[in-house]
Amino acid sequence: MIAQLSGQIVEQNTNQLILDVHGVGYLVTVSSSTLSQIRALSGTISLLIEMIVREDSLTLYGFYTSEEKSAFTVLQSVQGVGAKAAISILSVLTPDSLKQAILSSDKAMVSRADGVGPKLAQRIVNELAEKVGKLPTSLGNTENMGVSPAGAGQSAISQDAISALVNLGYSQSEAWAAVQRASAKSDTNELGQILNLALKEVGQK
């Protein structure tokens, strides 16, 4: 089983590349996101690999980050989503964006991917709503996300408010949407105020 490959890119197109590893060229399918991240790199690069074996084929899927590889696995837990559809989704949505789409029940974001129609997008949103905690996120990495320390603090408060709403019996997606609307209406960084505003958004005072 191949778990990682390190080598030099000798050829690439829209979603595939050939990685030369000690004279052996491996054809690796990647997302547009991974391709854009490694395109500017020179020398040896390393990709995490998921090897998919079928009766008549063996395909290597490569990922520049462990978050994307984990999202690839979680997506395939949805009925009707294979490796090809999963890599297509990750070509238009980062793991963070995918998680956001699930939490906000935004099937339109998911259906932007080639080969993913409205019905499949809705199924992905529905089935992953209960598995959203398994989706990786880099939201805690303020350097990568371009978030100021103050913004990072606001995110932590929002997460606390979401957790409080979930404990009150609201679904994760309802809680997330309510807190997002509440945060948009106020620049407060007080948990109590955010929670009160969010409760009003879901119809409870």
N, C-alpha and C. Protein backbone atom coordinates (compact mmCIF):
# COMPACT_ATOMS: atom_id res chain seq x y z
N MET A 1 0.85 -1.20 0.00
CA MET A 1 0.00 0.00 0.00
C MET A 1 0.88 1.25 0.00
N ILE A 2 0.62 2.15 -0.92
CA ILE A 2 1.39 3.40 -1.01
C ILE A 2 0.69 4.46 -0.17
N ALA A 3 1.40 5.05 0.79
CA ALA A 3 0.82 6.07 1.66
C ALA A 3 1.36 7.46 1.37
N GLN A 4 2.56 7.53 0.80
CA GLN A 4 3.17 8.83 0.50
C GLN A 4 4.19 8.66 -0.61
N LEU A 5 4.29 9.69 -1.45
CA LEU A 5 5.30 9.70 -2.51
C LEU A 5 6.03 11.04 -2.47
N SER A 6 7.33 10.98 -2.64
CA SER A 6 8.15 12.19 -2.71
C SER A 6 8.99 12.14 -3.98
N GLY A 7 8.92 13.20 -4.76
CA GLY A 7 9.66 13.24 -6.01
C GLY A 7 9.49 14.56 -6.72
N GLN A 8 9.78 14.58 -8.00
CA GLN A 8 9.68 15.80 -8.79
C GLN A 8 8.57 15.66 -9.83
N ILE A 9 7.85 16.75 -10.03
CA ILE A 9 6.79 16.76 -11.04
C ILE A 9 7.43 16.91 -12.42
N VAL A 10 7.11 15.98 -13.30
CA VAL A 10 7.66 16.05 -14.66
C VAL A 10 6.59 16.40 -15.68
N GLU A 11 5.34 16.26 -15.29
CA GLU A 11 4.24 16.61 -16.19
C GLU A 11 2.98 16.82 -15.37
N GLN A 12 2.12 17.75 -15.82
CA GLN A 12 0.87 17.98 -15.11
C GLN A 12 -0.18 18.54 -16.06
N ASN A 13 -1.45 18.25 -15.74
CA ASN A 13 -2.55 18.86 -16.48
C ASN A 13 -3.60 19.31 -15.47
N THR A 14 -4.86 19.35 -15.88
CA THR A 14 -5.90 19.91 -15.01
C THR A 14 -6.00 19.22 -13.66
N ASN A 15 -6.03 17.91 -13.65
CA ASN A 15 -6.20 17.22 -12.37
C ASN A 15 -5.31 15.98 -12.21
N GLN A 16 -4.26 15.92 -12.99
CA GLN A 16 -3.32 14.80 -12.86
C GLN A 16 -1.89 15.30 -13.02
N LEU A 17 -0.97 14.57 -12.44
CA LEU A 17 0.44 14.89 -12.60
C LEU A 17 1.24 13.59 -12.59
N ILE A 18 2.42 13.67 -13.15
CA ILE A 18 3.34 12.54 -13.10
C ILE A 18 4.47 12.92 -12.14
N LEU A 19 4.63 12.13 -11.10
CA LEU A 19 5.65 12.38 -10.09
C LEU A 19 6.79 11.38 -10.29
N ASP A 20 7.97 11.91 -10.57
CA ASP A 20 9.15 11.07 -10.78
C ASP A 20 9.79 10.76 -9.43
N VAL A 21 9.72 9.49 -9.05
CA VAL A 21 10.32 9.04 -7.78
C VAL A 21 11.45 8.07 -8.11
N HIS A 22 12.67 8.59 -8.05
CA HIS A 22 13.86 7.77 -8.35
C HIS A 22 13.75 7.06 -9.70
N GLY A 23 13.31 7.82 -10.70
CA GLY A 23 13.25 7.28 -12.05
C GLY A 23 11.97 6.57 -12.42
N VAL A 24 11.08 6.40 -11.46
CA VAL A 24 9.78 5.77 -11.73
C VAL A 24 8.70 6.86 -11.72
N GLY A 25 7.93 6.93 -12.80
CA GLY A 25 6.90 7.95 -12.90
C GLY A 25 5.55 7.44 -12.41
N TYR A 26 5.00 8.10 -11.42
CA TYR A 26 3.69 7.72 -10.88
C TYR A 26 2.64 8.72 -11.35
N LEU A 27 1.55 8.21 -11.94
CA LEU A 27 0.45 9.06 -12.36
C LEU A 27 -0.46 9.26 -11.16
N VAL A 28 -0.61 10.51 -10.73
CA VAL A 28 -1.37 10.81 -9.52
C VAL A 28 -2.49 11.79 -9.85
N THR A 29 -3.70 11.46 -9.44
CA THR A 29 -4.84 12.36 -9.60
C THR A 29 -4.92 13.27 -8.38
N VAL A 30 -5.05 14.56 -8.63
CA VAL A 30 -5.08 15.54 -7.53
C VAL A 30 -6.21 16.53 -7.75
N SER A 31 -6.57 17.24 -6.70
CA SER A 31 -7.57 18.30 -6.82
C SER A 31 -6.91 19.56 -7.35
N SER A 32 -7.72 20.48 -7.84
CA SER A 32 -7.19 21.76 -8.30
C SER A 32 -6.51 22.51 -7.16
N SER A 33 -7.03 22.31 -5.94
CA SER A 33 -6.45 22.96 -4.77
C SER A 33 -5.03 22.49 -4.51
N THR A 34 -4.83 21.18 -4.53
CA THR A 34 -3.48 20.64 -4.33
C THR A 34 -2.56 21.08 -5.45
N LEU A 35 -3.06 21.06 -6.68
CA LEU A 35 -2.24 21.44 -7.83
C LEU A 35 -1.78 22.89 -7.71
N SER A 36 -2.68 23.78 -7.27
CA SER A 36 -2.32 25.19 -7.14
C SER A 36 -1.29 25.41 -6.03
N GLN A 37 -1.34 24.58 -4.99
CA GLN A 37 -0.40 24.72 -3.88
C GLN A 37 1.00 24.24 -4.24
N ILE A 38 1.09 23.23 -5.08
CA ILE A 38 2.41 22.67 -5.38
C ILE A 38 3.00 23.23 -6.67
N ARG A 39 2.18 23.94 -7.45
CA ARG A 39 2.64 24.42 -8.76
C ARG A 39 3.85 25.33 -8.62
N ALA A 40 3.85 26.17 -7.59
CA ALA A 40 4.94 27.14 -7.43
C ALA A 40 6.17 26.55 -6.75
N LEU A 41 6.07 25.30 -6.28
CA LEU A 41 7.18 24.69 -5.58
C LEU A 41 8.21 24.12 -6.56
N SER A 42 9.44 24.14 -6.15
CA SER A 42 10.50 23.56 -6.98
C SER A 42 11.19 22.45 -6.20
N GLY A 43 11.86 21.59 -6.93
CA GLY A 43 12.56 20.50 -6.27
C GLY A 43 11.62 19.37 -5.89
N THR A 44 11.97 18.66 -4.84
CA THR A 44 11.20 17.50 -4.41
C THR A 44 9.96 17.93 -3.63
N ILE A 45 8.82 17.33 -3.97
CA ILE A 45 7.59 17.58 -3.22
C ILE A 45 7.08 16.25 -2.68
N SER A 46 6.30 16.32 -1.64
CA SER A 46 5.71 15.12 -1.03
C SER A 46 4.20 15.20 -1.07
N LEU A 47 3.58 14.10 -1.45
CA LEU A 47 2.12 14.02 -1.48
C LEU A 47 1.66 12.83 -0.65
N LEU A 48 0.63 13.05 0.14
CA LEU A 48 -0.03 11.93 0.82
C LEU A 48 -0.85 11.20 -0.23
N ILE A 49 -0.87 9.90 -0.17
CA ILE A 49 -1.49 9.10 -1.23
C ILE A 49 -2.62 8.22 -0.70
N GLU A 50 -3.71 8.20 -1.45
CA GLU A 50 -4.79 7.24 -1.22
C GLU A 50 -4.86 6.38 -2.47
N MET A 51 -4.65 5.10 -2.31
CA MET A 51 -4.65 4.18 -3.46
C MET A 51 -6.00 3.48 -3.54
N ILE A 52 -6.70 3.69 -4.64
CA ILE A 52 -8.01 3.08 -4.86
C ILE A 52 -7.86 1.94 -5.86
N VAL A 53 -8.16 0.73 -5.42
CA VAL A 53 -8.03 -0.45 -6.28
C VAL A 53 -9.41 -0.93 -6.69
N ARG A 54 -9.62 -1.00 -7.98
CA ARG A 54 -10.85 -1.55 -8.53
C ARG A 54 -10.51 -2.82 -9.30
N GLU A 55 -11.54 -3.51 -9.76
CA GLU A 55 -11.33 -4.77 -10.48
C GLU A 55 -10.48 -4.57 -11.73
N ASP A 56 -10.67 -3.42 -12.38
CA ASP A 56 -9.96 -3.20 -13.65
C ASP A 56 -9.04 -1.98 -13.62
N SER A 57 -8.77 -1.44 -12.43
CA SER A 57 -7.92 -0.26 -12.38
C SER A 57 -7.28 -0.07 -11.00
N LEU A 58 -6.21 0.71 -11.00
CA LEU A 58 -5.55 1.11 -9.76
C LEU A 58 -5.24 2.59 -9.91
N THR A 59 -5.81 3.42 -9.05
CA THR A 59 -5.66 4.87 -9.17
C THR A 59 -5.04 5.44 -7.90
N LEU A 60 -4.07 6.32 -8.09
CA LEU A 60 -3.44 7.01 -6.97
C LEU A 60 -4.01 8.42 -6.87
N TYR A 61 -4.51 8.78 -5.70
CA TYR A 61 -4.99 10.13 -5.44
C TYR A 61 -4.02 10.80 -4.48
N GLY A 62 -3.58 12.00 -4.83
CA GLY A 62 -2.58 12.69 -4.02
C GLY A 62 -3.12 13.94 -3.33
N PHE A 63 -2.59 14.21 -2.15
CA PHE A 63 -3.04 15.36 -1.35
C PHE A 63 -1.85 16.05 -0.72
N TYR A 64 -1.88 17.38 -0.78
CA TYR A 64 -0.77 18.15 -0.20
C TYR A 64 -0.93 18.30 1.30
N THR A 65 -2.18 18.23 1.80
CA THR A 65 -2.42 18.36 3.24
C THR A 65 -3.20 17.16 3.77
N SER A 66 -3.00 16.87 5.03
CA SER A 66 -3.74 15.77 5.66
C SER A 66 -5.22 16.12 5.80
N GLU A 67 -5.53 17.43 5.92
CA GLU A 67 -6.93 17.85 6.02
C GLU A 67 -7.71 17.49 4.76
N GLU A 68 -7.09 17.72 3.61
CA GLU A 68 -7.78 17.40 2.36
C GLU A 68 -7.94 15.89 2.20
N LYS A 69 -6.94 15.14 2.59
CA LYS A 69 -7.02 13.67 2.50
C LYS A 69 -8.14 13.14 3.39
N SER A 70 -8.27 13.69 4.59
CA SER A 70 -9.33 13.26 5.51
C SER A 70 -10.71 13.61 4.95
N ALA A 71 -10.83 14.82 4.36
CA ALA A 71 -12.10 15.23 3.77
C ALA A 71 -12.47 14.30 2.61
N PHE A 72 -11.48 13.88 1.84
CA PHE A 72 -11.68 12.95 0.73
C PHE A 72 -12.30 11.65 1.24
N THR A 73 -11.81 11.16 2.36
CA THR A 73 -12.32 9.92 2.95
C THR A 73 -13.75 10.09 3.46
N VAL A 74 -14.00 11.19 4.16
CA VAL A 74 -15.33 11.44 4.72
C VAL A 74 -16.37 11.60 3.61
N LEU A 75 -16.01 12.29 2.54
CA LEU A 75 -16.95 12.48 1.43
C LEU A 75 -17.40 11.15 0.83
N GLN A 76 -16.49 10.19 0.76
CA GLN A 76 -16.84 8.90 0.17
C GLN A 76 -17.72 8.04 1.07
N SER A 77 -17.96 8.50 2.28
CA SER A 77 -18.89 7.78 3.15
C SER A 77 -20.34 8.07 2.78
N VAL A 78 -20.54 9.07 1.91
CA VAL A 78 -21.88 9.42 1.44
C VAL A 78 -22.26 8.52 0.28
N GLN A 79 -23.46 7.98 0.33
CA GLN A 79 -23.94 7.11 -0.75
C GLN A 79 -23.92 7.86 -2.09
N GLY A 80 -23.30 7.25 -3.08
CA GLY A 80 -23.27 7.86 -4.41
C GLY A 80 -22.05 8.72 -4.67
N VAL A 81 -21.21 8.90 -3.66
CA VAL A 81 -20.00 9.71 -3.83
C VAL A 81 -18.78 8.80 -3.89
N GLY A 82 -18.18 8.73 -5.06
CA GLY A 82 -16.97 7.95 -5.23
C GLY A 82 -15.75 8.85 -5.19
N ALA A 83 -14.61 8.26 -5.49
CA ALA A 83 -13.36 9.01 -5.44
C ALA A 83 -13.35 10.17 -6.43
N LYS A 84 -13.90 9.93 -7.63
CA LYS A 84 -13.91 10.97 -8.66
C LYS A 84 -14.73 12.17 -8.22
N ALA A 85 -15.92 11.92 -7.66
CA ALA A 85 -16.77 13.02 -7.20
C ALA A 85 -16.14 13.74 -6.02
N ALA A 86 -15.51 12.97 -5.13
CA ALA A 86 -14.88 13.57 -3.95
C ALA A 86 -13.76 14.52 -4.36
N ILE A 87 -12.93 14.10 -5.31
CA ILE A 87 -11.82 14.95 -5.74
C ILE A 87 -12.35 16.16 -6.50
N SER A 88 -13.49 16.00 -7.19
CA SER A 88 -14.11 17.12 -7.89
C SER A 88 -14.61 18.16 -6.90
N ILE A 89 -15.21 17.69 -5.81
CA ILE A 89 -15.70 18.61 -4.77
C ILE A 89 -14.54 19.36 -4.13
N LEU A 90 -13.46 18.64 -3.85
CA LEU A 90 -12.31 19.27 -3.22
C LEU A 90 -11.53 20.18 -4.17
N SER A 91 -11.90 20.14 -5.45
CA SER A 91 -11.30 21.06 -6.41
C SER A 91 -11.95 22.44 -6.34
N VAL A 92 -13.17 22.49 -5.79
CA VAL A 92 -13.87 23.78 -5.69
C VAL A 92 -14.08 24.22 -4.25
N LEU A 93 -13.91 23.30 -3.30
CA LEU A 93 -14.10 23.63 -1.88
C LEU A 93 -12.92 23.12 -1.06
N THR A 94 -12.35 23.99 -0.25
CA THR A 94 -11.34 23.54 0.70
C THR A 94 -12.05 22.77 1.82
N PRO A 95 -11.34 22.00 2.63
CA PRO A 95 -12.00 21.34 3.76
C PRO A 95 -12.77 22.31 4.65
N ASP A 96 -12.22 23.50 4.87
CA ASP A 96 -12.92 24.50 5.68
C ASP A 96 -14.22 24.94 5.00
N SER A 97 -14.15 25.20 3.69
CA SER A 97 -15.33 25.64 2.95
C SER A 97 -16.39 24.54 2.90
N LEU A 98 -15.95 23.30 2.78
CA LEU A 98 -16.88 22.18 2.77
C LEU A 98 -17.61 22.08 4.10
N LYS A 99 -16.86 22.22 5.18
CA LYS A 99 -17.46 22.16 6.51
C LYS A 99 -18.48 23.29 6.68
N GLN A 100 -18.13 24.46 6.19
CA GLN A 100 -19.04 25.61 6.27
C GLN A 100 -20.31 25.35 5.47
N ALA A 101 -20.15 24.75 4.29
CA ALA A 101 -21.31 24.45 3.46
C ALA A 101 -22.24 23.45 4.15
N ILE A 102 -21.67 22.46 4.81
CA ILE A 102 -22.48 21.47 5.52
C ILE A 102 -23.22 22.11 6.68
N LEU A 103 -22.51 22.91 7.47
CA LEU A 103 -23.11 23.54 8.64
C LEU A 103 -24.23 24.50 8.27
N SER A 104 -24.10 25.15 7.11
CA SER A 104 -25.13 26.10 6.68
C SER A 104 -26.13 25.48 5.72
N SER A 105 -26.03 24.16 5.50
CA SER A 105 -26.94 23.43 4.59
C SER A 105 -26.96 24.07 3.20
N ASP A 106 -25.80 24.48 2.73
CA ASP A 106 -25.69 25.18 1.45
C ASP A 106 -25.32 24.18 0.34
N LYS A 107 -26.35 23.56 -0.23
CA LYS A 107 -26.09 22.57 -1.29
C LYS A 107 -25.56 23.23 -2.55
N ALA A 108 -25.85 24.53 -2.74
CA ALA A 108 -25.39 25.23 -3.94
C ALA A 108 -23.86 25.27 -3.99
N MET A 109 -23.23 25.43 -2.84
CA MET A 109 -21.76 25.44 -2.80
C MET A 109 -21.21 24.10 -3.25
N VAL A 110 -21.84 23.02 -2.79
CA VAL A 110 -21.36 21.68 -3.12
C VAL A 110 -21.61 21.35 -4.59
N SER A 111 -22.74 21.81 -5.12
CA SER A 111 -23.11 21.48 -6.50
C SER A 111 -22.28 22.24 -7.53
N ARG A 112 -21.38 23.11 -7.07
CA ARG A 112 -20.46 23.79 -8.00
C ARG A 112 -19.47 22.81 -8.60
N ALA A 113 -19.27 21.69 -7.95
CA ALA A 113 -18.30 20.70 -8.43
C ALA A 113 -18.82 19.99 -9.68
N ASP A 114 -17.92 19.73 -10.61
CA ASP A 114 -18.29 19.00 -11.83
C ASP A 114 -18.81 17.62 -11.47
N GLY A 115 -19.94 17.25 -12.09
CA GLY A 115 -20.49 15.92 -11.88
C GLY A 115 -21.32 15.77 -10.62
N VAL A 116 -21.51 16.86 -9.90
CA VAL A 116 -22.32 16.83 -8.67
C VAL A 116 -23.59 17.66 -8.89
N GLY A 117 -24.70 16.96 -9.09
CA GLY A 117 -25.97 17.64 -9.31
C GLY A 117 -26.63 18.05 -8.01
N PRO A 118 -27.76 18.77 -8.11
CA PRO A 118 -28.47 19.24 -6.92
C PRO A 118 -28.88 18.12 -5.97
N LYS A 119 -29.34 16.99 -6.51
CA LYS A 119 -29.79 15.89 -5.64
C LYS A 119 -28.64 15.29 -4.85
N LEU A 120 -27.51 15.07 -5.53
CA LEU A 120 -26.35 14.51 -4.83
C LEU A 120 -25.81 15.52 -3.83
N ALA A 121 -25.80 16.79 -4.21
CA ALA A 121 -25.32 17.84 -3.30
C ALA A 121 -26.17 17.87 -2.03
N GLN A 122 -27.49 17.73 -2.20
CA GLN A 122 -28.38 17.72 -1.04
C GLN A 122 -28.12 16.51 -0.16
N ARG A 123 -27.86 15.36 -0.79
CA ARG A 123 -27.57 14.15 -0.02
C ARG A 123 -26.28 14.31 0.78
N ILE A 124 -25.29 14.94 0.16
CA ILE A 124 -24.02 15.16 0.84
C ILE A 124 -24.23 16.05 2.07
N VAL A 125 -24.98 17.13 1.88
CA VAL A 125 -25.26 18.04 2.99
C VAL A 125 -26.01 17.32 4.11
N ASN A 126 -27.01 16.55 3.72
CA ASN A 126 -27.84 15.85 4.72
C ASN A 126 -27.04 14.79 5.48
N GLU A 127 -26.32 13.94 4.74
CA GLU A 127 -25.62 12.83 5.39
C GLU A 127 -24.41 13.27 6.21
N LEU A 128 -23.77 14.35 5.77
CA LEU A 128 -22.59 14.81 6.51
C LEU A 128 -22.94 15.73 7.67
N ALA A 129 -24.20 16.14 7.76
CA ALA A 129 -24.61 17.02 8.85
C ALA A 129 -24.33 16.37 10.21
N GLU A 130 -24.51 15.05 10.26
CA GLU A 130 -24.26 14.33 11.52
C GLU A 130 -22.80 13.91 11.66
N LYS A 131 -22.02 14.07 10.58
CA LYS A 131 -20.62 13.66 10.63
C LYS A 131 -19.68 14.85 10.54
N VAL A 132 -20.25 16.06 10.68
CA VAL A 132 -19.46 17.26 10.43
C VAL A 132 -18.24 17.35 11.35
N GLY A 133 -18.34 16.74 12.53
CA GLY A 133 -17.20 16.75 13.44
C GLY A 133 -16.01 15.97 12.91
N LYS A 134 -16.26 15.07 11.95
CA LYS A 134 -15.18 14.27 11.37
C LYS A 134 -14.45 15.02 10.27
N LEU A 135 -15.06 16.12 9.81
CA LEU A 135 -14.41 16.89 8.76
C LEU A 135 -13.28 17.70 9.37
N PRO A 136 -12.10 17.66 8.77
CA PRO A 136 -10.96 18.41 9.32
C PRO A 136 -11.15 19.89 9.10
N THR A 137 -10.48 20.70 9.88
CA THR A 137 -10.56 22.14 9.72
C THR A 137 -9.24 22.77 10.10
N SER A 138 -8.93 23.86 9.46
CA SER A 138 -7.73 24.62 9.81
C SER A 138 -8.12 25.98 10.35
N LEU A 139 -9.38 26.09 10.82
CA LEU A 139 -9.86 27.37 11.31
C LEU A 139 -9.04 27.87 12.50
N GLY A 140 -8.43 26.95 13.22
CA GLY A 140 -7.62 27.37 14.36
C GLY A 140 -6.29 27.95 13.94
N ASN A 141 -5.92 27.79 12.69
CA ASN A 141 -4.66 28.30 12.19
C ASN A 141 -4.86 29.70 11.66
N THR A 142 -4.67 30.71 12.48
CA THR A 142 -4.97 32.08 12.08
C THR A 142 -4.00 32.59 11.03
N GLU A 143 -2.80 32.02 10.97
CA GLU A 143 -1.84 32.47 9.97
C GLU A 143 -2.31 32.08 8.58
N ASN A 144 -2.75 30.83 8.43
CA ASN A 144 -3.19 30.36 7.12
C ASN A 144 -4.49 31.00 6.69
N MET A 145 -5.37 31.29 7.64
CA MET A 145 -6.67 31.83 7.29
C MET A 145 -6.66 33.34 7.17
N GLY A 146 -5.56 33.98 7.53
CA GLY A 146 -5.50 35.43 7.45
C GLY A 146 -6.40 36.09 8.47
N VAL A 147 -6.54 35.49 9.65
CA VAL A 147 -7.41 36.02 10.68
C VAL A 147 -6.56 36.69 11.74
N SER A 148 -6.98 37.87 12.17
CA SER A 148 -6.25 38.57 13.21
C SER A 148 -6.49 37.88 14.53
N PRO A 149 -5.64 38.14 15.55
CA PRO A 149 -5.87 37.54 16.86
C PRO A 149 -7.25 37.85 17.41
N ALA A 150 -7.73 39.07 17.16
CA ALA A 150 -9.08 39.43 17.62
C ALA A 150 -10.11 38.58 16.92
N GLY A 151 -9.91 38.36 15.60
CA GLY A 151 -10.84 37.53 14.85
C GLY A 151 -10.83 36.10 15.33
N ALA A 152 -9.64 35.64 15.73
CA ALA A 152 -9.55 34.28 16.24
C ALA A 152 -10.32 34.14 17.54
N GLY A 153 -10.26 35.20 18.38
CA GLY A 153 -11.01 35.19 19.63
C GLY A 153 -12.50 35.16 19.37
N GLN A 154 -12.93 35.92 18.36
CA GLN A 154 -14.34 35.93 18.01
C GLN A 154 -14.78 34.54 17.56
N SER A 155 -13.93 33.83 16.81
CA SER A 155 -14.27 32.49 16.36
C SER A 155 -14.44 31.54 17.54
N ALA A 156 -13.58 31.69 18.55
CA ALA A 156 -13.68 30.84 19.73
C ALA A 156 -14.98 31.09 20.47
N ILE A 157 -15.38 32.36 20.56
CA ILE A 157 -16.64 32.70 21.22
C ILE A 157 -17.81 32.13 20.43
N SER A 158 -17.73 32.23 19.11
CA SER A 158 -18.80 31.68 18.27
C SER A 158 -18.93 30.18 18.48
N GLN A 159 -17.80 29.50 18.58
CA GLN A 159 -17.84 28.05 18.81
C GLN A 159 -18.48 27.72 20.15
N ASP A 160 -18.19 28.54 21.16
CA ASP A 160 -18.81 28.33 22.48
C ASP A 160 -20.32 28.53 22.40
N ALA A 161 -20.74 29.55 21.63
CA ALA A 161 -22.17 29.82 21.49
C ALA A 161 -22.86 28.68 20.75
N ILE A 162 -22.21 28.17 19.72
CA ILE A 162 -22.77 27.04 18.97
C ILE A 162 -22.93 25.83 19.88
N SER A 163 -21.91 25.56 20.67
CA SER A 163 -21.97 24.42 21.60
C SER A 163 -23.12 24.58 22.59
N ALA A 164 -23.32 25.81 23.07
CA ALA A 164 -24.40 26.06 24.03
C ALA A 164 -25.76 25.80 23.39
N LEU A 165 -25.93 26.22 22.14
CA LEU A 165 -27.21 25.99 21.44
C LEU A 165 -27.44 24.51 21.19
N VAL A 166 -26.39 23.80 20.83
CA VAL A 166 -26.51 22.36 20.62
C VAL A 166 -26.93 21.67 21.91
N ASN A 167 -26.38 22.13 23.02
CA ASN A 167 -26.75 21.56 24.33
C ASN A 167 -28.20 21.85 24.69
N LEU A 168 -28.76 22.91 24.08
CA LEU A 168 -30.16 23.25 24.32
C LEU A 168 -31.10 22.45 23.41
N GLY A 169 -30.52 21.65 22.52
CA GLY A 169 -31.35 20.79 21.68
C GLY A 169 -31.42 21.16 20.22
N TYR A 170 -30.73 22.23 19.82
CA TYR A 170 -30.73 22.62 18.42
C TYR A 170 -29.69 21.80 17.65
N SER A 171 -29.93 21.62 16.37
CA SER A 171 -28.98 20.86 15.55
C SER A 171 -27.73 21.71 15.32
N GLN A 172 -26.66 21.04 14.93
CA GLN A 172 -25.41 21.74 14.67
C GLN A 172 -25.58 22.80 13.58
N SER A 173 -26.32 22.46 12.53
CA SER A 173 -26.50 23.41 11.43
C SER A 173 -27.36 24.59 11.85
N GLU A 174 -28.42 24.34 12.63
CA GLU A 174 -29.27 25.44 13.13
C GLU A 174 -28.46 26.37 14.02
N ALA A 175 -27.67 25.78 14.90
CA ALA A 175 -26.87 26.58 15.82
C ALA A 175 -25.84 27.42 15.07
N TRP A 176 -25.18 26.81 14.10
CA TRP A 176 -24.17 27.53 13.33
C TRP A 176 -24.78 28.71 12.59
N ALA A 177 -25.91 28.47 11.92
CA ALA A 177 -26.56 29.53 11.15
C ALA A 177 -27.02 30.67 12.07
N ALA A 178 -27.57 30.33 13.23
CA ALA A 178 -28.06 31.35 14.16
C ALA A 178 -26.92 32.21 14.69
N VAL A 179 -25.81 31.59 15.03
CA VAL A 179 -24.66 32.33 15.54
C VAL A 179 -24.05 33.20 14.45
N GLN A 180 -24.02 32.70 13.22
CA GLN A 180 -23.51 33.51 12.11
C GLN A 180 -24.35 34.76 11.90
N ARG A 181 -25.69 34.60 11.96
CA ARG A 181 -26.57 35.76 11.79
C ARG A 181 -26.42 36.72 12.96
N ALA A 182 -26.29 36.18 14.16
CA ALA A 182 -26.13 37.02 15.34
C ALA A 182 -24.82 37.81 15.27
N SER A 183 -23.76 37.15 14.86
CA SER A 183 -22.46 37.81 14.77
C SER A 183 -22.46 38.90 13.71
N ALA A 184 -23.23 38.69 12.64
CA ALA A 184 -23.30 39.68 11.57
C ALA A 184 -24.01 40.95 12.02
N LYS A 185 -24.90 40.81 13.00
CA LYS A 185 -25.69 41.95 13.48
C LYS A 185 -25.01 42.71 14.62
N SER A 186 -23.96 42.14 15.17
CA SER A 186 -23.30 42.77 16.31
C SER A 186 -21.82 42.47 16.29
N ASP A 187 -21.02 43.46 16.72
CA ASP A 187 -19.57 43.24 16.78
C ASP A 187 -19.10 42.92 18.19
N THR A 188 -20.06 42.55 19.05
CA THR A 188 -19.72 42.22 20.43
C THR A 188 -18.86 40.96 20.50
N ASN A 189 -18.00 40.92 21.49
CA ASN A 189 -17.21 39.71 21.73
C ASN A 189 -17.56 39.09 23.07
N GLU A 190 -18.76 39.41 23.56
CA GLU A 190 -19.26 38.84 24.80
C GLU A 190 -20.11 37.61 24.49
N LEU A 191 -19.76 36.48 25.08
CA LEU A 191 -20.47 35.23 24.81
C LEU A 191 -21.96 35.35 25.13
N GLY A 192 -22.27 35.96 26.26
CA GLY A 192 -23.67 36.08 26.67
C GLY A 192 -24.50 36.85 25.66
N GLN A 193 -23.95 37.93 25.13
CA GLN A 193 -24.68 38.74 24.16
C GLN A 193 -24.87 37.99 22.85
N ILE A 194 -23.81 37.33 22.40
CA ILE A 194 -23.92 36.54 21.17
C ILE A 194 -24.97 35.45 21.33
N LEU A 195 -24.97 34.79 22.48
CA LEU A 195 -25.92 33.70 22.72
C LEU A 195 -27.35 34.22 22.75
N ASN A 196 -27.57 35.37 23.40
CA ASN A 196 -28.92 35.95 23.44
C ASN A 196 -29.41 36.30 22.04
N LEU A 197 -28.54 36.89 21.24
CA LEU A 197 -28.91 37.25 19.87
C LEU A 197 -29.20 35.99 19.05
N ALA A 198 -28.40 34.96 19.25
CA ALA A 198 -28.60 33.71 18.51
C ALA A 198 -29.91 33.05 18.90
N LEU A 199 -30.26 33.11 20.18
CA LEU A 199 -31.53 32.53 20.64
C LEU A 199 -32.71 33.25 20.00
N LYS A 200 -32.58 34.56 19.83
CA LYS A 200 -33.64 35.31 19.16
C LYS A 200 -33.75 34.88 17.70
N GLU A 201 -32.60 34.57 17.11
CA GLU A 201 -32.61 34.14 15.71
C GLU A 201 -33.33 32.82 15.52
N VAL A 202 -33.27 31.96 16.51
CA VAL A 202 -33.97 30.67 16.40
C VAL A 202 -35.34 30.70 17.05
N GLY A 203 -35.77 31.91 17.43
CA GLY A 203 -37.14 32.07 17.91
C GLY A 203 -37.35 31.83 19.39
N GLN A 204 -36.27 31.84 20.17
CA GLN A 204 -36.41 31.64 21.62
C GLN A 204 -35.78 32.81 22.34
N LYS A 205 -36.52 33.42 23.25
CA LYS A 205 -36.01 34.55 24.01
C LYS A 205 -35.72 34.12 25.45
